[in-house]
ModelCIF file with pLDDT and N, C-alpha, C, O atoms, coordinates in Angstrom:
data_MODEL
#
_entry.id   MODEL 
#
_entity.id                         1 
_entity.type                       polymer 
_entity.pdbx_number_of_molecules   1 
#
_entity_poly.entity_id                      1 
_entity_poly.type                           'polypeptide(L)' 
_entity_poly.nstd_linkage                   no 
_entity_poly.nstd_monomer                   no 
_entity_poly.pdbx_seq_one_letter_code       
;(UNK)(UNK)(UNK)(UNK)(UNK)(UNK)(UNK)(UNK)(UNK)(UNK)(UNK)(UNK)(UNK)(UNK)(UNK)(UNK)
(UNK)(UNK)(UNK)(UNK)(UNK)(UNK)(UNK)(UNK)(UNK)(UNK)(UNK)(UNK)(UNK)(UNK)(UNK)(UNK)
(UNK)(UNK)(UNK)(UNK)(UNK)(UNK)(UNK)(UNK)(UNK)(UNK)(UNK)(UNK)(UNK)
;
_entity_poly.pdbx_seq_one_letter_code_can   XXXXXXXXXXXXXXXXXXXXXXXXXXXXXXXXXXXXXXXXXXXXX 
_entity_poly.pdbx_strand_id                 A 
#
loop_
_entity_poly_seq.entity_id 
_entity_poly_seq.num 
_entity_poly_seq.mon_id 
_entity_poly_seq.hetero 
1 1  UNK n 
1 2  UNK n 
1 3  UNK n 
1 4  UNK n 
1 5  UNK n 
1 6  UNK n 
1 7  UNK n 
1 8  UNK n 
1 9  UNK n 
1 10 UNK n 
1 11 UNK n 
1 12 UNK n 
1 13 UNK n 
1 14 UNK n 
1 15 UNK n 
1 16 UNK n 
1 17 UNK n 
1 18 UNK n 
1 19 UNK n 
1 20 UNK n 
1 21 UNK n 
1 22 UNK n 
1 23 UNK n 
1 24 UNK n 
1 25 UNK n 
1 26 UNK n 
1 27 UNK n 
1 28 UNK n 
1 29 UNK n 
1 30 UNK n 
1 31 UNK n 
1 32 UNK n 
1 33 UNK n 
1 34 UNK n 
1 35 UNK n 
1 36 UNK n 
1 37 UNK n 
1 38 UNK n 
1 39 UNK n 
1 40 UNK n 
1 41 UNK n 
1 42 UNK n 
1 43 UNK n 
1 44 UNK n 
1 45 UNK n 
#
_struct_asym.id          A 
_struct_asym.entity_id   1 
#
loop_
_ma_qa_metric.id 
_ma_qa_metric.mode 
_ma_qa_metric.name 
_ma_qa_metric.software_group_id 
_ma_qa_metric.type 
1 global pLDDT . pLDDT 
2 local  pLDDT . pLDDT 
#
_ma_qa_metric_global.metric_id      1 
_ma_qa_metric_global.metric_value   95.42 
_ma_qa_metric_global.model_id       1 
_ma_qa_metric_global.ordinal_id     1 
#
loop_
_ma_qa_metric_local.label_asym_id 
_ma_qa_metric_local.label_comp_id 
_ma_qa_metric_local.label_seq_id 
_ma_qa_metric_local.metric_id 
_ma_qa_metric_local.metric_value 
_ma_qa_metric_local.model_id 
_ma_qa_metric_local.ordinal_id 
A UNK 1  2 86.00 1 1  
A UNK 2  2 88.00 1 2  
A UNK 3  2 92.00 1 3  
A UNK 4  2 92.00 1 4  
A UNK 5  2 93.00 1 5  
A UNK 6  2 95.00 1 6  
A UNK 7  2 96.00 1 7  
A UNK 8  2 95.00 1 8  
A UNK 9  2 96.00 1 9  
A UNK 10 2 97.00 1 10 
A UNK 11 2 96.00 1 11 
A UNK 12 2 96.00 1 12 
A UNK 13 2 96.00 1 13 
A UNK 14 2 96.00 1 14 
A UNK 15 2 97.00 1 15 
A UNK 16 2 97.00 1 16 
A UNK 17 2 98.00 1 17 
A UNK 18 2 98.00 1 18 
A UNK 19 2 98.00 1 19 
A UNK 20 2 97.00 1 20 
A UNK 21 2 97.00 1 21 
A UNK 22 2 94.00 1 22 
A UNK 23 2 94.00 1 23 
A UNK 24 2 93.00 1 24 
A UNK 25 2 95.00 1 25 
A UNK 26 2 94.00 1 26 
A UNK 27 2 94.00 1 27 
A UNK 28 2 96.00 1 28 
A UNK 29 2 96.00 1 29 
A UNK 30 2 95.00 1 30 
A UNK 31 2 97.00 1 31 
A UNK 32 2 98.00 1 32 
A UNK 33 2 97.00 1 33 
A UNK 34 2 97.00 1 34 
A UNK 35 2 97.00 1 35 
A UNK 36 2 98.00 1 36 
A UNK 37 2 98.00 1 37 
A UNK 38 2 98.00 1 38 
A UNK 39 2 98.00 1 39 
A UNK 40 2 98.00 1 40 
A UNK 41 2 97.00 1 41 
A UNK 42 2 97.00 1 42 
A UNK 43 2 93.00 1 43 
A UNK 44 2 91.00 1 44 
A UNK 45 2 93.00 1 45 
#
loop_
_atom_site.group_PDB 
_atom_site.id 
_atom_site.type_symbol 
_atom_site.label_atom_id 
_atom_site.label_alt_id 
_atom_site.label_comp_id 
_atom_site.label_asym_id 
_atom_site.label_entity_id 
_atom_site.label_seq_id 
_atom_site.pdbx_PDB_ins_code 
_atom_site.Cartn_x 
_atom_site.Cartn_y 
_atom_site.Cartn_z 
_atom_site.occupancy 
_atom_site.B_iso_or_equiv 
_atom_site.pdbx_formal_charge 
_atom_site.auth_seq_id 
_atom_site.auth_comp_id 
_atom_site.auth_asym_id 
_atom_site.auth_atom_id 
_atom_site.pdbx_PDB_model_num 
ATOM 1   N N  . UNK A 1 1  ? 70.081 24.901 13.420 1.00 86.00 ? 1  UNK A N  1 
ATOM 2   C CA . UNK A 1 1  ? 70.968 24.420 14.339 1.00 86.00 ? 1  UNK A CA 1 
ATOM 3   C C  . UNK A 1 1  ? 70.329 23.389 15.270 1.00 86.00 ? 1  UNK A C  1 
ATOM 4   O O  . UNK A 1 1  ? 70.906 22.338 15.550 1.00 86.00 ? 1  UNK A O  1 
ATOM 5   N N  . UNK A 1 2  ? 69.046 23.737 15.772 1.00 88.00 ? 2  UNK A N  1 
ATOM 6   C CA . UNK A 1 2  ? 68.363 23.073 16.785 1.00 88.00 ? 2  UNK A CA 1 
ATOM 7   C C  . UNK A 1 2  ? 67.601 21.852 16.072 1.00 88.00 ? 2  UNK A C  1 
ATOM 8   O O  . UNK A 1 2  ? 67.479 20.753 16.612 1.00 88.00 ? 2  UNK A O  1 
ATOM 9   N N  . UNK A 1 3  ? 67.162 22.132 14.948 1.00 92.00 ? 3  UNK A N  1 
ATOM 10  C CA . UNK A 1 3  ? 66.389 20.933 14.220 1.00 92.00 ? 3  UNK A CA 1 
ATOM 11  C C  . UNK A 1 3  ? 67.515 19.818 13.938 1.00 92.00 ? 3  UNK A C  1 
ATOM 12  O O  . UNK A 1 3  ? 67.238 18.629 13.780 1.00 92.00 ? 3  UNK A O  1 
ATOM 13  N N  . UNK A 1 4  ? 68.670 20.283 13.900 1.00 92.00 ? 4  UNK A N  1 
ATOM 14  C CA . UNK A 1 4  ? 69.775 19.111 13.368 1.00 92.00 ? 4  UNK A CA 1 
ATOM 15  C C  . UNK A 1 4  ? 69.555 17.847 14.239 1.00 92.00 ? 4  UNK A C  1 
ATOM 16  O O  . UNK A 1 4  ? 69.284 16.796 13.659 1.00 92.00 ? 4  UNK A O  1 
ATOM 17  N N  . UNK A 1 5  ? 69.656 17.876 15.653 1.00 93.00 ? 5  UNK A N  1 
ATOM 18  C CA . UNK A 1 5  ? 69.427 16.756 16.454 1.00 93.00 ? 5  UNK A CA 1 
ATOM 19  C C  . UNK A 1 5  ? 68.334 15.877 16.200 1.00 93.00 ? 5  UNK A C  1 
ATOM 20  O O  . UNK A 1 5  ? 68.531 14.672 16.038 1.00 93.00 ? 5  UNK A O  1 
ATOM 21  N N  . UNK A 1 6  ? 67.120 16.418 16.149 1.00 95.00 ? 6  UNK A N  1 
ATOM 22  C CA . UNK A 1 6  ? 65.929 15.818 15.766 1.00 95.00 ? 6  UNK A CA 1 
ATOM 23  C C  . UNK A 1 6  ? 66.118 15.026 14.443 1.00 95.00 ? 6  UNK A C  1 
ATOM 24  O O  . UNK A 1 6  ? 66.018 13.802 14.367 1.00 95.00 ? 6  UNK A O  1 
ATOM 25  N N  . UNK A 1 7  ? 66.437 15.963 13.279 1.00 96.00 ? 7  UNK A N  1 
ATOM 26  C CA . UNK A 1 7  ? 66.546 15.289 12.008 1.00 96.00 ? 7  UNK A CA 1 
ATOM 27  C C  . UNK A 1 7  ? 67.444 14.131 12.021 1.00 96.00 ? 7  UNK A C  1 
ATOM 28  O O  . UNK A 1 7  ? 67.083 13.127 11.407 1.00 96.00 ? 7  UNK A O  1 
ATOM 29  N N  . UNK A 1 8  ? 68.485 14.136 12.593 1.00 95.00 ? 8  UNK A N  1 
ATOM 30  C CA . UNK A 1 8  ? 69.473 13.017 12.730 1.00 95.00 ? 8  UNK A CA 1 
ATOM 31  C C  . UNK A 1 8  ? 68.833 11.877 13.458 1.00 95.00 ? 8  UNK A C  1 
ATOM 32  O O  . UNK A 1 8  ? 68.969 10.761 12.958 1.00 95.00 ? 8  UNK A O  1 
ATOM 33  N N  . UNK A 1 9  ? 68.172 11.998 14.540 1.00 96.00 ? 9  UNK A N  1 
ATOM 34  C CA . UNK A 1 9  ? 67.487 10.953 15.011 1.00 96.00 ? 9  UNK A CA 1 
ATOM 35  C C  . UNK A 1 9  ? 66.374 10.262 14.333 1.00 96.00 ? 9  UNK A C  1 
ATOM 36  O O  . UNK A 1 9  ? 66.060 9.083  14.497 1.00 96.00 ? 9  UNK A O  1 
ATOM 37  N N  . UNK A 1 10 ? 65.830 11.089 13.582 1.00 97.00 ? 10 UNK A N  1 
ATOM 38  C CA . UNK A 1 10 ? 64.728 10.559 12.662 1.00 97.00 ? 10 UNK A CA 1 
ATOM 39  C C  . UNK A 1 10 ? 65.367 9.740  11.615 1.00 97.00 ? 10 UNK A C  1 
ATOM 40  O O  . UNK A 1 10 ? 64.890 8.643  11.323 1.00 97.00 ? 10 UNK A O  1 
ATOM 41  N N  . UNK A 1 11 ? 66.470 10.228 11.005 1.00 96.00 ? 11 UNK A N  1 
ATOM 42  C CA . UNK A 1 11 ? 67.156 9.462  9.872  1.00 96.00 ? 11 UNK A CA 1 
ATOM 43  C C  . UNK A 1 11 ? 67.757 8.222  10.558 1.00 96.00 ? 11 UNK A C  1 
ATOM 44  O O  . UNK A 1 11 ? 67.524 7.141  10.018 1.00 96.00 ? 11 UNK A O  1 
ATOM 45  N N  . UNK A 1 12 ? 68.586 8.239  11.808 1.00 96.00 ? 12 UNK A N  1 
ATOM 46  C CA . UNK A 1 12 ? 69.069 7.014  12.112 1.00 96.00 ? 12 UNK A CA 1 
ATOM 47  C C  . UNK A 1 12 ? 68.017 5.951  12.471 1.00 96.00 ? 12 UNK A C  1 
ATOM 48  O O  . UNK A 1 12 ? 68.250 4.761  12.261 1.00 96.00 ? 12 UNK A O  1 
ATOM 49  N N  . UNK A 1 13 ? 66.816 6.388  13.033 1.00 96.00 ? 13 UNK A N  1 
ATOM 50  C CA . UNK A 1 13 ? 65.843 5.292  13.458 1.00 96.00 ? 13 UNK A CA 1 
ATOM 51  C C  . UNK A 1 13 ? 64.877 4.913  12.131 1.00 96.00 ? 13 UNK A C  1 
ATOM 52  O O  . UNK A 1 13 ? 64.029 4.023  12.062 1.00 96.00 ? 13 UNK A O  1 
ATOM 53  N N  . UNK A 1 14 ? 65.246 5.795  11.194 1.00 96.00 ? 14 UNK A N  1 
ATOM 54  C CA . UNK A 1 14 ? 64.404 5.406  9.905  1.00 96.00 ? 14 UNK A CA 1 
ATOM 55  C C  . UNK A 1 14 ? 62.877 5.656  10.100 1.00 96.00 ? 14 UNK A C  1 
ATOM 56  O O  . UNK A 1 14 ? 62.100 4.887  9.534  1.00 96.00 ? 14 UNK A O  1 
ATOM 57  N N  . UNK A 1 15 ? 62.387 6.690  10.870 1.00 97.00 ? 15 UNK A N  1 
ATOM 58  C CA . UNK A 1 15 ? 61.158 7.029  11.217 1.00 97.00 ? 15 UNK A CA 1 
ATOM 59  C C  . UNK A 1 15 ? 60.456 7.503  9.937  1.00 97.00 ? 15 UNK A C  1 
ATOM 60  O O  . UNK A 1 15 ? 60.926 8.517  9.422  1.00 97.00 ? 15 UNK A O  1 
ATOM 61  N N  . UNK A 1 16 ? 59.421 6.933  9.358  1.00 97.00 ? 16 UNK A N  1 
ATOM 62  C CA . UNK A 1 16 ? 58.806 7.373  8.138  1.00 97.00 ? 16 UNK A CA 1 
ATOM 63  C C  . UNK A 1 16 ? 57.626 8.400  8.316  1.00 97.00 ? 16 UNK A C  1 
ATOM 64  O O  . UNK A 1 16 ? 57.107 9.046  7.406  1.00 97.00 ? 16 UNK A O  1 
ATOM 65  N N  . UNK A 1 17 ? 57.286 8.438  9.693  1.00 98.00 ? 17 UNK A N  1 
ATOM 66  C CA . UNK A 1 17 ? 56.190 9.342  10.071 1.00 98.00 ? 17 UNK A CA 1 
ATOM 67  C C  . UNK A 1 17 ? 56.655 10.526 10.747 1.00 98.00 ? 17 UNK A C  1 
ATOM 68  O O  . UNK A 1 17 ? 55.861 11.067 11.516 1.00 98.00 ? 17 UNK A O  1 
ATOM 69  N N  . UNK A 1 18 ? 57.632 10.951 10.618 1.00 98.00 ? 18 UNK A N  1 
ATOM 70  C CA . UNK A 1 18 ? 58.262 12.139 11.209 1.00 98.00 ? 18 UNK A CA 1 
ATOM 71  C C  . UNK A 1 18 ? 58.975 12.971 10.184 1.00 98.00 ? 18 UNK A C  1 
ATOM 72  O O  . UNK A 1 18 ? 59.637 12.432 9.296  1.00 98.00 ? 18 UNK A O  1 
ATOM 73  N N  . UNK A 1 19 ? 58.833 14.498 10.305 1.00 98.00 ? 19 UNK A N  1 
ATOM 74  C CA . UNK A 1 19 ? 59.337 15.390 9.483  1.00 98.00 ? 19 UNK A CA 1 
ATOM 75  C C  . UNK A 1 19 ? 59.401 16.479 10.167 1.00 98.00 ? 19 UNK A C  1 
ATOM 76  O O  . UNK A 1 19 ? 58.628 16.667 11.106 1.00 98.00 ? 19 UNK A O  1 
ATOM 77  N N  . UNK A 1 20 ? 60.516 17.549 9.737  1.00 97.00 ? 20 UNK A N  1 
ATOM 78  C CA . UNK A 1 20 ? 60.692 18.789 10.454 1.00 97.00 ? 20 UNK A CA 1 
ATOM 79  C C  . UNK A 1 20 ? 60.778 19.779 9.290  1.00 97.00 ? 20 UNK A C  1 
ATOM 80  O O  . UNK A 1 20 ? 61.310 19.580 8.198  1.00 97.00 ? 20 UNK A O  1 
ATOM 81  N N  . UNK A 1 21 ? 60.063 21.053 9.789  1.00 97.00 ? 21 UNK A N  1 
ATOM 82  C CA . UNK A 1 21 ? 59.821 22.033 8.719  1.00 97.00 ? 21 UNK A CA 1 
ATOM 83  C C  . UNK A 1 21 ? 60.652 23.373 9.377  1.00 97.00 ? 21 UNK A C  1 
ATOM 84  O O  . UNK A 1 21 ? 60.420 23.735 10.530 1.00 97.00 ? 21 UNK A O  1 
ATOM 85  N N  . UNK A 1 22 ? 61.468 23.940 8.662  1.00 94.00 ? 22 UNK A N  1 
ATOM 86  C CA . UNK A 1 22 ? 61.852 25.080 9.112  1.00 94.00 ? 22 UNK A CA 1 
ATOM 87  C C  . UNK A 1 22 ? 61.412 26.293 8.394  1.00 94.00 ? 22 UNK A C  1 
ATOM 88  O O  . UNK A 1 22 ? 61.684 26.524 7.216  1.00 94.00 ? 22 UNK A O  1 
ATOM 89  N N  . UNK A 1 23 ? 60.562 27.222 9.342  1.00 94.00 ? 23 UNK A N  1 
ATOM 90  C CA . UNK A 1 23 ? 59.977 28.130 8.673  1.00 94.00 ? 23 UNK A CA 1 
ATOM 91  C C  . UNK A 1 23 ? 59.310 28.946 10.164 1.00 94.00 ? 23 UNK A C  1 
ATOM 92  O O  . UNK A 1 23 ? 59.247 28.350 11.240 1.00 94.00 ? 23 UNK A O  1 
ATOM 93  N N  . UNK A 1 24 ? 58.925 30.150 10.006 1.00 93.00 ? 24 UNK A N  1 
ATOM 94  C CA . UNK A 1 24 ? 58.356 30.908 10.761 1.00 93.00 ? 24 UNK A CA 1 
ATOM 95  C C  . UNK A 1 24 ? 56.818 30.425 11.177 1.00 93.00 ? 24 UNK A C  1 
ATOM 96  O O  . UNK A 1 24 ? 56.113 30.077 10.229 1.00 93.00 ? 24 UNK A O  1 
ATOM 97  N N  . UNK A 1 25 ? 56.293 30.377 12.370 1.00 95.00 ? 25 UNK A N  1 
ATOM 98  C CA . UNK A 1 25 ? 54.990 29.914 12.700 1.00 95.00 ? 25 UNK A CA 1 
ATOM 99  C C  . UNK A 1 25 ? 54.132 30.742 11.966 1.00 95.00 ? 25 UNK A C  1 
ATOM 100 O O  . UNK A 1 25 ? 53.209 30.170 11.387 1.00 95.00 ? 25 UNK A O  1 
ATOM 101 N N  . UNK A 1 26 ? 54.229 32.020 11.849 1.00 94.00 ? 26 UNK A N  1 
ATOM 102 C CA . UNK A 1 26 ? 53.234 32.854 11.111 1.00 94.00 ? 26 UNK A CA 1 
ATOM 103 C C  . UNK A 1 26 ? 52.815 32.459 9.651  1.00 94.00 ? 26 UNK A C  1 
ATOM 104 O O  . UNK A 1 26 ? 51.756 32.742 9.090  1.00 94.00 ? 26 UNK A O  1 
ATOM 105 N N  . UNK A 1 27 ? 53.889 31.733 9.151  1.00 94.00 ? 27 UNK A N  1 
ATOM 106 C CA . UNK A 1 27 ? 53.644 31.389 7.705  1.00 94.00 ? 27 UNK A CA 1 
ATOM 107 C C  . UNK A 1 27 ? 53.047 29.976 7.270  1.00 94.00 ? 27 UNK A C  1 
ATOM 108 O O  . UNK A 1 27 ? 53.067 29.421 6.171  1.00 94.00 ? 27 UNK A O  1 
ATOM 109 N N  . UNK A 1 28 ? 52.468 29.544 8.586  1.00 96.00 ? 28 UNK A N  1 
ATOM 110 C CA . UNK A 1 28 ? 52.018 28.122 8.401  1.00 96.00 ? 28 UNK A CA 1 
ATOM 111 C C  . UNK A 1 28 ? 50.852 27.896 7.600  1.00 96.00 ? 28 UNK A C  1 
ATOM 112 O O  . UNK A 1 28 ? 50.697 26.817 7.027  1.00 96.00 ? 28 UNK A O  1 
ATOM 113 N N  . UNK A 1 29 ? 49.852 29.018 7.497  1.00 96.00 ? 29 UNK A N  1 
ATOM 114 C CA . UNK A 1 29 ? 48.751 28.857 6.696  1.00 96.00 ? 29 UNK A CA 1 
ATOM 115 C C  . UNK A 1 29 ? 49.097 28.930 4.939  1.00 96.00 ? 29 UNK A C  1 
ATOM 116 O O  . UNK A 1 29 ? 48.271 28.717 4.052  1.00 96.00 ? 29 UNK A O  1 
ATOM 117 N N  . UNK A 1 30 ? 50.354 29.242 4.777  1.00 95.00 ? 30 UNK A N  1 
ATOM 118 C CA . UNK A 1 30 ? 50.980 29.020 3.466  1.00 95.00 ? 30 UNK A CA 1 
ATOM 119 C C  . UNK A 1 30 ? 51.362 27.559 3.116  1.00 95.00 ? 30 UNK A C  1 
ATOM 120 O O  . UNK A 1 30 ? 51.419 27.134 1.962  1.00 95.00 ? 30 UNK A O  1 
ATOM 121 N N  . UNK A 1 31 ? 51.605 26.868 4.180  1.00 97.00 ? 31 UNK A N  1 
ATOM 122 C CA . UNK A 1 31 ? 51.932 25.511 4.185  1.00 97.00 ? 31 UNK A CA 1 
ATOM 123 C C  . UNK A 1 31 ? 51.045 24.475 4.371  1.00 97.00 ? 31 UNK A C  1 
ATOM 124 O O  . UNK A 1 31 ? 51.356 23.317 4.093  1.00 97.00 ? 31 UNK A O  1 
ATOM 125 N N  . UNK A 1 32 ? 49.797 24.830 4.886  1.00 98.00 ? 32 UNK A N  1 
ATOM 126 C CA . UNK A 1 32 ? 48.877 23.642 5.330  1.00 98.00 ? 32 UNK A CA 1 
ATOM 127 C C  . UNK A 1 32 ? 47.426 24.139 4.846  1.00 98.00 ? 32 UNK A C  1 
ATOM 128 O O  . UNK A 1 32 ? 47.014 25.296 4.935  1.00 98.00 ? 32 UNK A O  1 
ATOM 129 N N  . UNK A 1 33 ? 46.889 23.283 4.434  1.00 97.00 ? 33 UNK A N  1 
ATOM 130 C CA . UNK A 1 33 ? 45.187 23.596 3.905  1.00 97.00 ? 33 UNK A CA 1 
ATOM 131 C C  . UNK A 1 33 ? 44.089 23.452 4.885  1.00 97.00 ? 33 UNK A C  1 
ATOM 132 O O  . UNK A 1 33 ? 44.263 22.931 5.987  1.00 97.00 ? 33 UNK A O  1 
ATOM 133 N N  . UNK A 1 34 ? 43.135 23.845 4.537  1.00 97.00 ? 34 UNK A N  1 
ATOM 134 C CA . UNK A 1 34 ? 41.871 23.877 5.562  1.00 97.00 ? 34 UNK A CA 1 
ATOM 135 C C  . UNK A 1 34 ? 41.752 22.291 5.966  1.00 97.00 ? 34 UNK A C  1 
ATOM 136 O O  . UNK A 1 34 ? 41.922 21.359 5.180  1.00 97.00 ? 34 UNK A O  1 
ATOM 137 N N  . UNK A 1 35 ? 41.465 22.196 7.179  1.00 97.00 ? 35 UNK A N  1 
ATOM 138 C CA . UNK A 1 35 ? 41.261 20.666 7.727  1.00 97.00 ? 35 UNK A CA 1 
ATOM 139 C C  . UNK A 1 35 ? 42.214 19.781 7.703  1.00 97.00 ? 35 UNK A C  1 
ATOM 140 O O  . UNK A 1 35 ? 41.965 18.614 8.007  1.00 97.00 ? 35 UNK A O  1 
ATOM 141 N N  . UNK A 1 36 ? 43.378 20.152 7.365  1.00 98.00 ? 36 UNK A N  1 
ATOM 142 C CA . UNK A 1 36 ? 44.561 19.194 7.083  1.00 98.00 ? 36 UNK A CA 1 
ATOM 143 C C  . UNK A 1 36 ? 45.318 18.783 8.380  1.00 98.00 ? 36 UNK A C  1 
ATOM 144 O O  . UNK A 1 36 ? 45.993 17.753 8.356  1.00 98.00 ? 36 UNK A O  1 
ATOM 145 N N  . UNK A 1 37 ? 45.240 19.535 9.509  1.00 98.00 ? 37 UNK A N  1 
ATOM 146 C CA . UNK A 1 37 ? 46.021 19.122 10.744 1.00 98.00 ? 37 UNK A CA 1 
ATOM 147 C C  . UNK A 1 37 ? 44.997 18.630 11.743 1.00 98.00 ? 37 UNK A C  1 
ATOM 148 O O  . UNK A 1 37 ? 43.947 19.261 11.869 1.00 98.00 ? 37 UNK A O  1 
ATOM 149 N N  . UNK A 1 38 ? 45.252 17.443 12.530 1.00 98.00 ? 38 UNK A N  1 
ATOM 150 C CA . UNK A 1 38 ? 44.433 17.076 13.482 1.00 98.00 ? 38 UNK A CA 1 
ATOM 151 C C  . UNK A 1 38 ? 44.819 17.447 14.963 1.00 98.00 ? 38 UNK A C  1 
ATOM 152 O O  . UNK A 1 38 ? 43.901 17.551 15.775 1.00 98.00 ? 38 UNK A O  1 
ATOM 153 N N  . UNK A 1 39 ? 46.032 17.638 15.339 1.00 98.00 ? 39 UNK A N  1 
ATOM 154 C CA . UNK A 1 39 ? 46.358 18.287 16.620 1.00 98.00 ? 39 UNK A CA 1 
ATOM 155 C C  . UNK A 1 39 ? 47.711 19.058 16.436 1.00 98.00 ? 39 UNK A C  1 
ATOM 156 O O  . UNK A 1 39 ? 48.554 18.794 15.579 1.00 98.00 ? 39 UNK A O  1 
ATOM 157 N N  . UNK A 1 40 ? 47.781 19.988 17.317 1.00 98.00 ? 40 UNK A N  1 
ATOM 158 C CA . UNK A 1 40 ? 48.985 20.978 17.593 1.00 98.00 ? 40 UNK A CA 1 
ATOM 159 C C  . UNK A 1 40 ? 49.426 20.856 18.885 1.00 98.00 ? 40 UNK A C  1 
ATOM 160 O O  . UNK A 1 40 ? 48.637 21.009 19.817 1.00 98.00 ? 40 UNK A O  1 
ATOM 161 N N  . UNK A 1 41 ? 50.735 20.567 19.087 1.00 97.00 ? 41 UNK A N  1 
ATOM 162 C CA . UNK A 1 41 ? 51.454 20.671 20.305 1.00 97.00 ? 41 UNK A CA 1 
ATOM 163 C C  . UNK A 1 41 ? 52.401 22.045 20.544 1.00 97.00 ? 41 UNK A C  1 
ATOM 164 O O  . UNK A 1 41 ? 53.223 22.425 19.709 1.00 97.00 ? 41 UNK A O  1 
ATOM 165 N N  . UNK A 1 42 ? 52.174 22.649 21.683 1.00 97.00 ? 42 UNK A N  1 
ATOM 166 C CA . UNK A 1 42 ? 52.969 23.780 22.014 1.00 97.00 ? 42 UNK A CA 1 
ATOM 167 C C  . UNK A 1 42 ? 53.842 23.569 22.988 1.00 97.00 ? 42 UNK A C  1 
ATOM 168 O O  . UNK A 1 42 ? 53.359 23.704 24.112 1.00 97.00 ? 42 UNK A O  1 
ATOM 169 N N  . UNK A 1 43 ? 55.051 23.261 22.937 1.00 93.00 ? 43 UNK A N  1 
ATOM 170 C CA . UNK A 1 43 ? 56.059 22.859 24.035 1.00 93.00 ? 43 UNK A CA 1 
ATOM 171 C C  . UNK A 1 43 ? 57.024 23.709 24.444 1.00 93.00 ? 43 UNK A C  1 
ATOM 172 O O  . UNK A 1 43 ? 58.033 23.903 23.767 1.00 93.00 ? 43 UNK A O  1 
ATOM 173 N N  . UNK A 1 44 ? 56.776 24.364 25.726 1.00 91.00 ? 44 UNK A N  1 
ATOM 174 C CA . UNK A 1 44 ? 57.702 25.491 26.432 1.00 91.00 ? 44 UNK A CA 1 
ATOM 175 C C  . UNK A 1 44 ? 57.890 26.432 25.357 1.00 91.00 ? 44 UNK A C  1 
ATOM 176 O O  . UNK A 1 44 ? 59.011 26.586 24.873 1.00 91.00 ? 44 UNK A O  1 
ATOM 177 N N  . UNK A 1 45 ? 56.834 27.110 24.920 1.00 93.00 ? 45 UNK A N  1 
ATOM 178 C CA . UNK A 1 45 ? 57.460 28.467 24.295 1.00 93.00 ? 45 UNK A CA 1 
ATOM 179 C C  . UNK A 1 45 ? 57.798 29.745 25.205 1.00 93.00 ? 45 UNK A C  1 
ATOM 180 O O  . UNK A 1 45 ? 58.274 30.759 24.693 1.00 93.00 ? 45 UNK A O  1 
#
């Protein structure tokens, strides 16, 4: 339900360089490979 607002903005603006992934943060090693990510933002956890 939270992701919906961002997803709608990405769609309406046609942003091709943005995506949203719905999952638990503990599971991220199942989604991303070694040396695949350049930066991480942690905002108001």
